[in-house]
C-alpha atoms as a PDB file:
ATOM      1  CA  MET A   1     -66.831 -68.254 -94.491  1.00  0.00           C
ATOM      2  CA  ARG A   2     -69.617 -70.706 -93.706  1.00  0.00           C
ATOM      3  CA  VAL A   3     -68.583 -74.342 -93.566  1.00  0.00           C
ATOM      4  CA  ALA A   4     -70.957 -77.286 -93.927  1.00  0.00           C
ATOM      5  CA  GLY A   5     -70.644 -80.997 -94.657  1.00  0.00           C
ATOM      6  CA  VAL A   6     -68.585 -82.500 -97.464  1.00  0.00           C
ATOM      7  CA  ASP A   7     -71.512 -84.492 -98.879  1.00  0.00           C
ATOM      8  CA  GLY A   8     -72.129 -82.218-101.865  1.00  0.00           C
ATOM      9  CA  THR A   9     -73.730 -79.481 -99.777  1.00  0.00           C
ATOM     10  CA  LEU A  10     -73.081 -76.025-101.191  1.00  0.00           C
ATOM     11  CA  LEU A  11     -70.725 -73.965 -99.054  1.00  0.00           C
ATOM     12  CA  GLU A  12     -70.110 -70.216 -99.175  1.00  0.00           C
ATOM     13  CA  ALA A  13     -66.958 -68.153 -99.072  1.00  0.00           C
ATOM     14  CA  THR A  14     -66.400 -64.419 -99.400  1.00  0.00           C
ATOM     15  CA  GLY A  15     -63.005 -62.848 -99.864  1.00  0.00           C
ATOM     16  CA  VAL A  16     -60.709 -60.816-102.067  1.00  0.00           C
ATOM     17  CA  ILE A  17     -59.378 -62.261-105.313  1.00  0.00           C
ATOM     18  CA  GLU A  18     -55.611 -62.719-105.048  1.00  0.00           C
ATOM     19  CA  ARG A  19     -54.964 -64.530-108.301  1.00  0.00           C
ATOM     20  CA  ILE A  20     -56.768 -65.829-111.378  1.00  0.00           C
ATOM     21  CA  ASP A  21     -55.228 -68.630-113.431  1.00  0.00           C
ATOM     22  CA  VAL A  22     -57.255 -68.606-116.656  1.00  0.00           C
ATOM     23  CA  PRO A  23     -55.591 -71.616-118.372  1.00  0.00           C
ATOM     24  CA  ALA A  24     -55.895 -73.784-115.237  1.00  0.00           C
ATOM     25  CA  ARG A  25     -59.378 -72.361-114.476  1.00  0.00           C
ATOM     26  CA  GLU A  26     -58.484 -71.603-110.851  1.00  0.00           C
ATOM     27  CA  LEU A  27     -59.327 -68.688-108.598  1.00  0.00           C
ATOM     28  CA  THR A  28     -57.414 -67.891-105.395  1.00  0.00           C
ATOM     29  CA  LEU A  29     -59.323 -65.926-102.766  1.00  0.00           C
ATOM     30  CA  SER A  30     -57.862 -64.384 -99.640  1.00  0.00           C
ATOM     31  CA  ILE A  31     -60.296 -65.305 -96.870  1.00  0.00           C
ATOM     32  CA  ASN A  32     -59.425 -63.824 -93.482  1.00  0.00           C
ATOM     33  CA  GLY A  33     -55.840 -63.490 -94.719  1.00  0.00           C
ATOM     34  CA  ALA A  34     -55.505 -67.128 -95.852  1.00  0.00           C
ATOM     35  CA  PRO A  35     -55.369 -68.058 -99.555  1.00  0.00           C
ATOM     36  CA  GLN A  36     -57.988 -70.588-100.695  1.00  0.00           C
ATOM     37  CA  VAL A  37     -57.934 -72.075-104.202  1.00  0.00           C
ATOM     38  CA  PHE A  38     -61.159 -72.871-106.076  1.00  0.00           C
ATOM     39  CA  GLY A  39     -61.416 -74.878-109.272  1.00  0.00           C
ATOM     40  CA  LEU A  40     -63.719 -73.369-111.880  1.00  0.00           C
ATOM     41  CA  PRO A  41     -65.287 -76.081-114.056  1.00  0.00           C
ATOM     42  CA  PRO A  42     -66.806 -75.071-117.411  1.00  0.00           C
ATOM     43  CA  GLY A  43     -70.328 -75.014-115.930  1.00  0.00           C
ATOM     44  CA  CYS A  44     -69.393 -72.527-113.191  1.00  0.00           C
ATOM     45  CA  THR A  45     -71.442 -69.310-113.403  1.00  0.00           C
ATOM     46  CA  LEU A  46     -69.298 -66.168-113.243  1.00  0.00           C
ATOM     47  CA  SER A  47     -70.931 -62.785-112.784  1.00  0.00           C
ATOM     48  CA  LEU A  48     -69.619 -59.243-112.501  1.00  0.00           C
ATOM     49  CA  HIS A  49     -72.083 -56.612-111.251  1.00  0.00           C
ATOM     50  CA  GLY A  50     -74.952 -59.005-111.990  1.00  0.00           C
ATOM     51  CA  GLU A  51     -73.946 -59.839-115.575  1.00  0.00           C
ATOM     52  CA  ARG A  52     -72.475 -63.143-116.749  1.00  0.00           C
ATOM     53  CA  VAL A  53     -68.857 -62.779-117.823  1.00  0.00           C
ATOM     54  CA  LYS A  54     -65.864 -64.801-118.939  1.00  0.00           C
ATOM     55  CA  LEU A  55     -63.168 -65.643-116.390  1.00  0.00           C
ATOM     56  CA  ARG A  56     -60.616 -63.287-117.953  1.00  0.00           C
ATOM     57  CA  LEU A  57     -62.784 -60.273-116.950  1.00  0.00           C
ATOM     58  CA  LEU A  58     -62.376 -60.899-113.208  1.00  0.00           C
ATOM     59  CA  GLN A  59     -59.463 -59.064-111.580  1.00  0.00           C
ATOM     60  CA  ALA A  60     -57.229 -59.317-108.540  1.00  0.00           C
ATOM     61  CA  ASP A  61     -58.387 -57.190-105.596  1.00  0.00           C
ATOM     62  CA  ASP A  62     -62.072 -57.631-106.520  1.00  0.00           C
ATOM     63  CA  ARG A  63     -64.285 -58.842-103.679  1.00  0.00           C
ATOM     64  CA  ALA A  64     -65.944 -62.149-104.585  1.00  0.00           C
ATOM     65  CA  HIS A  65     -68.630 -64.431-103.154  1.00  0.00           C
ATOM     66  CA  VAL A  66     -68.300 -68.124-104.080  1.00  0.00           C
ATOM     67  CA  LEU A  67     -70.746 -71.018-103.758  1.00  0.00           C
ATOM     68  CA  TYR A  68     -68.782 -74.266-103.894  1.00  0.00           C
ATOM     69  CA  THR A  69     -68.570 -77.927-102.929  1.00  0.00           C
ATOM     70  CA  CYS A  70     -65.654 -79.976-101.639  1.00  0.00           C
ATOM     71  CA  GLU A  71     -64.786 -82.863-103.931  1.00  0.00           C
ATOM     72  CA  ASP A  72     -61.847 -85.168-103.203  1.00  0.00           C
ATOM     73  CA  GLY A  73     -60.240 -82.539-100.992  1.00  0.00           C
ATOM     74  CA  SER A  74     -60.571 -79.748-103.566  1.00  0.00           C
ATOM     75  CA  ARG A  75     -62.913 -76.774-103.617  1.00  0.00           C
ATOM     76  CA  VAL A  76     -65.026 -76.720-106.778  1.00  0.00           C
ATOM     77  CA  ALA A  77     -66.882 -73.462-107.464  1.00  0.00           C
ATOM     78  CA  HIS A  78     -70.419 -73.505-108.828  1.00  0.00           C
ATOM     79  CA  THR A  79     -71.060 -69.744-108.738  1.00  0.00           C
ATOM     80  CA  VAL A  80     -68.700 -66.768-108.437  1.00  0.00           C
ATOM     81  CA  ARG A  81     -70.210 -63.305-107.954  1.00  0.00           C
ATOM     82  CA  VAL A  82     -68.087 -60.160-108.050  1.00  0.00           C
ATOM     83  CA  GLY A  83     -69.330 -56.655-107.312  1.00  0.00           C
END
């Protein structure tokens, strides 16, 4: 995981999806064995094998790469790529 400033700079994280909460629009990734929760706002781009998909198509145990920002202590995803 690359960490940068909290001034709106995009950060990156790569890990394995542990859990997807569709109603809450949250994704939990295991990164180096530690769970990290990412909020998924409506404008977040989700892709599976290069194609845009709906959140419900992502699955636990998939490897994911997330571009996100930190906002008020929370991780907010902008892009999630799986596969």
